[in-house]
Amino acid sequence: IWVIFMGIPVAMFVKFGIGVLVSTVGFVLVGVFVGEKNIEVEYIFVSGRLEIAYIINGSKRKEMMCFEMEQVKTIVPKGSPRIEHENFVKKHDFTSKTKAPHCIDMVVDINGHKELVSVEPNEKLMAEIREYGKDKIYDVV
């Protein structure tokens, strides 16, 4: 937006063509960076391995994280006081950002560091997580 407004004085006081060019570049930058993006989260669970990816605008897939259930230390409901005392190197939130009651937090050991991964599993994914992480689940209904 700043670039758009800088084009006006440049057009008035320096050269009109350069001012228009600067403002056009500003509009393009706003369109690229502020343009609405539809982002969906995809969870793929195969043989104890959870892969999390973003699907951007229904066409581009970007893998965000992948880990084995053996690396998971604790599985609790999102925001559980059971893990509030833990210190995490990173926190990853792969939920819809609503306070849905079925979101879970997983404490994952990645390269010797604890990371918090928040996911919003459907019933099928939750059944797989329960099967592979039955001794790690606390307070999850």
Protein backbone atom coordinates (compact mmCIF):
# COMPACT_ATOMS: atom_id res chain seq x y z
CA ILE A 1 0.00 0.00 0.00
CA TRP A 2 2.91 2.29 0.78
CA VAL A 3 4.28 1.73 -2.75
CA ILE A 4 0.90 2.71 -4.26
CA PHE A 5 0.86 6.00 -2.41
CA MET A 6 4.51 6.72 -3.24
CA GLY A 7 3.58 6.62 -6.92
CA ILE A 8 1.33 9.69 -6.57
CA PRO A 9 4.04 12.25 -5.58
CA VAL A 10 6.45 10.65 -8.05
CA ALA A 11 3.86 11.14 -10.82
CA MET A 12 3.21 14.73 -9.77
CA PHE A 13 6.75 15.96 -9.14
CA VAL A 14 9.18 13.68 -10.96
CA LYS A 15 7.72 12.00 -14.01
CA PHE A 16 4.18 10.87 -14.64
CA GLY A 17 5.08 7.55 -16.33
CA ILE A 18 7.37 6.48 -13.49
CA GLY A 19 4.67 7.37 -10.92
CA VAL A 20 2.08 5.27 -12.71
CA LEU A 21 4.57 2.40 -12.94
CA VAL A 22 5.33 2.58 -9.20
CA SER A 23 1.61 2.63 -8.34
CA THR A 24 0.94 -0.33 -10.67
CA VAL A 25 3.70 -2.33 -9.01
CA GLY A 26 2.08 -1.49 -5.65
CA PHE A 27 -1.31 -2.77 -6.82
CA VAL A 28 0.26 -6.01 -8.07
CA LEU A 29 2.07 -6.53 -4.75
CA VAL A 30 -1.16 -5.98 -2.80
CA GLY A 31 -2.92 -8.49 -5.05
CA VAL A 32 -0.23 -11.11 -4.52
CA PHE A 33 0.23 -10.75 -0.78
CA VAL A 34 -3.26 -9.85 0.35
CA GLY A 35 -5.13 -11.97 -2.18
CA GLU A 36 -7.52 -14.32 -0.47
CA LYS A 37 -6.16 -17.83 -0.26
CA ASN A 38 -8.29 -20.85 0.47
CA ILE A 39 -6.17 -23.15 2.63
CA GLU A 40 -7.30 -26.63 3.64
CA VAL A 41 -5.38 -29.03 5.87
CA GLU A 42 -4.92 -32.61 4.68
CA TYR A 43 -3.97 -35.39 7.08
CA ILE A 44 -2.68 -38.69 5.69
CA PHE A 45 -2.16 -41.52 8.17
CA VAL A 46 -0.51 -44.71 6.90
CA SER A 47 1.04 -47.44 9.06
CA GLY A 48 1.70 -45.22 12.07
CA ARG A 49 2.99 -42.27 10.05
CA LEU A 50 1.11 -38.95 10.01
CA GLU A 51 1.70 -36.57 7.12
CA ILE A 52 0.22 -33.07 7.29
CA ALA A 53 -0.10 -30.90 4.18
CA TYR A 54 -1.77 -27.66 3.13
CA ILE A 55 -3.92 -27.62 0.01
CA ILE A 56 -3.81 -24.03 -1.26
CA ASN A 57 -6.69 -22.81 -3.45
CA GLY A 58 -7.67 -26.40 -4.16
CA SER A 59 -4.71 -27.06 -6.43
CA LYS A 60 -1.29 -26.59 -4.83
CA ARG A 61 -0.14 -29.08 -2.18
CA LYS A 62 2.55 -28.12 0.33
CA GLU A 63 3.81 -30.71 2.81
CA MET A 64 4.12 -29.12 6.23
CA MET A 65 5.12 -31.91 8.60
CA CYS A 66 5.55 -35.65 8.79
CA PHE A 67 6.27 -37.88 11.78
CA GLU A 68 5.89 -41.41 13.10
CA MET A 69 3.56 -42.21 15.99
CA GLU A 70 6.60 -43.62 17.81
CA GLN A 71 7.83 -40.02 18.08
CA VAL A 72 4.61 -38.92 19.81
CA LYS A 73 4.96 -38.76 23.58
CA THR A 74 1.54 -37.44 24.66
CA ILE A 75 -1.88 -36.92 23.06
CA VAL A 76 -4.36 -34.66 24.89
CA PRO A 77 -7.31 -32.40 24.04
CA LYS A 78 -6.26 -29.01 22.62
CA GLY A 79 -5.37 -26.60 25.42
CA SER A 80 -5.17 -29.30 28.08
CA PRO A 81 -3.62 -28.28 31.41
CA ARG A 82 -1.77 -31.62 31.39
CA ILE A 83 0.93 -30.17 29.08
CA GLU A 84 0.81 -26.47 29.97
CA HIS A 85 4.06 -26.74 31.97
CA GLU A 86 5.94 -28.18 28.97
CA ASN A 87 8.46 -26.08 27.04
CA PHE A 88 8.28 -26.55 23.28
CA VAL A 89 10.84 -25.58 20.65
CA LYS A 90 8.03 -25.04 18.12
CA LYS A 91 4.24 -25.03 18.14
CA HIS A 92 2.39 -26.07 14.98
CA ASP A 93 -1.35 -25.42 14.70
CA PHE A 94 -2.91 -27.42 11.85
CA THR A 95 -6.52 -26.85 12.89
CA SER A 96 -9.28 -24.67 11.47
CA LYS A 97 -8.49 -22.17 14.28
CA THR A 98 -11.96 -22.60 15.75
CA LYS A 99 -12.31 -23.90 19.26
CA ALA A 100 -13.69 -27.21 18.05
CA PRO A 101 -14.04 -29.75 20.87
CA HIS A 102 -12.42 -32.56 18.89
CA CYS A 103 -9.04 -30.87 18.30
CA ILE A 104 -6.05 -32.57 19.91
CA ASP A 105 -2.51 -31.62 20.85
CA MET A 106 0.35 -34.04 20.33
CA VAL A 107 3.75 -33.68 21.98
CA VAL A 108 6.20 -34.91 19.35
CA ASP A 109 9.90 -35.58 19.82
CA ILE A 110 11.64 -34.37 16.66
CA ASN A 111 15.43 -34.64 16.65
CA GLY A 112 15.53 -34.58 20.44
CA HIS A 113 13.33 -31.48 20.76
CA LYS A 114 9.72 -31.33 21.94
CA GLU A 115 7.29 -29.80 19.48
CA LEU A 116 3.57 -29.25 19.94
CA VAL A 117 1.38 -30.28 17.01
CA SER A 118 -2.32 -29.37 17.07
CA VAL A 119 -4.61 -31.26 14.67
CA GLU A 120 -8.33 -31.56 14.05
CA PRO A 121 -8.89 -35.25 13.26
CA ASN A 122 -12.10 -36.74 11.92
CA GLU A 123 -13.46 -39.98 13.40
CA LYS A 124 -11.49 -42.24 11.04
CA LEU A 125 -8.17 -40.51 11.73
CA MET A 126 -8.87 -40.48 15.47
CA ALA A 127 -9.50 -44.24 15.36
CA GLU A 128 -6.09 -44.76 13.71
CA ILE A 129 -4.40 -42.49 16.24
CA ARG A 130 -6.05 -44.45 19.07
CA GLU A 131 -4.81 -47.73 17.60
CA TYR A 132 -1.18 -46.62 17.23
CA GLY A 133 -0.96 -44.39 20.29
CA LYS A 134 -3.21 -46.08 22.83
CA ASP A 135 -0.73 -45.79 25.72
CA LYS A 136 -0.09 -42.07 24.97
CA ILE A 137 -3.67 -40.72 24.99
CA TYR A 138 -4.94 -38.82 28.04
CA ASP A 139 -8.39 -37.22 28.57
CA VAL A 140 -9.42 -37.55 24.90
CA VAL A 141 -13.05 -38.57 24.52
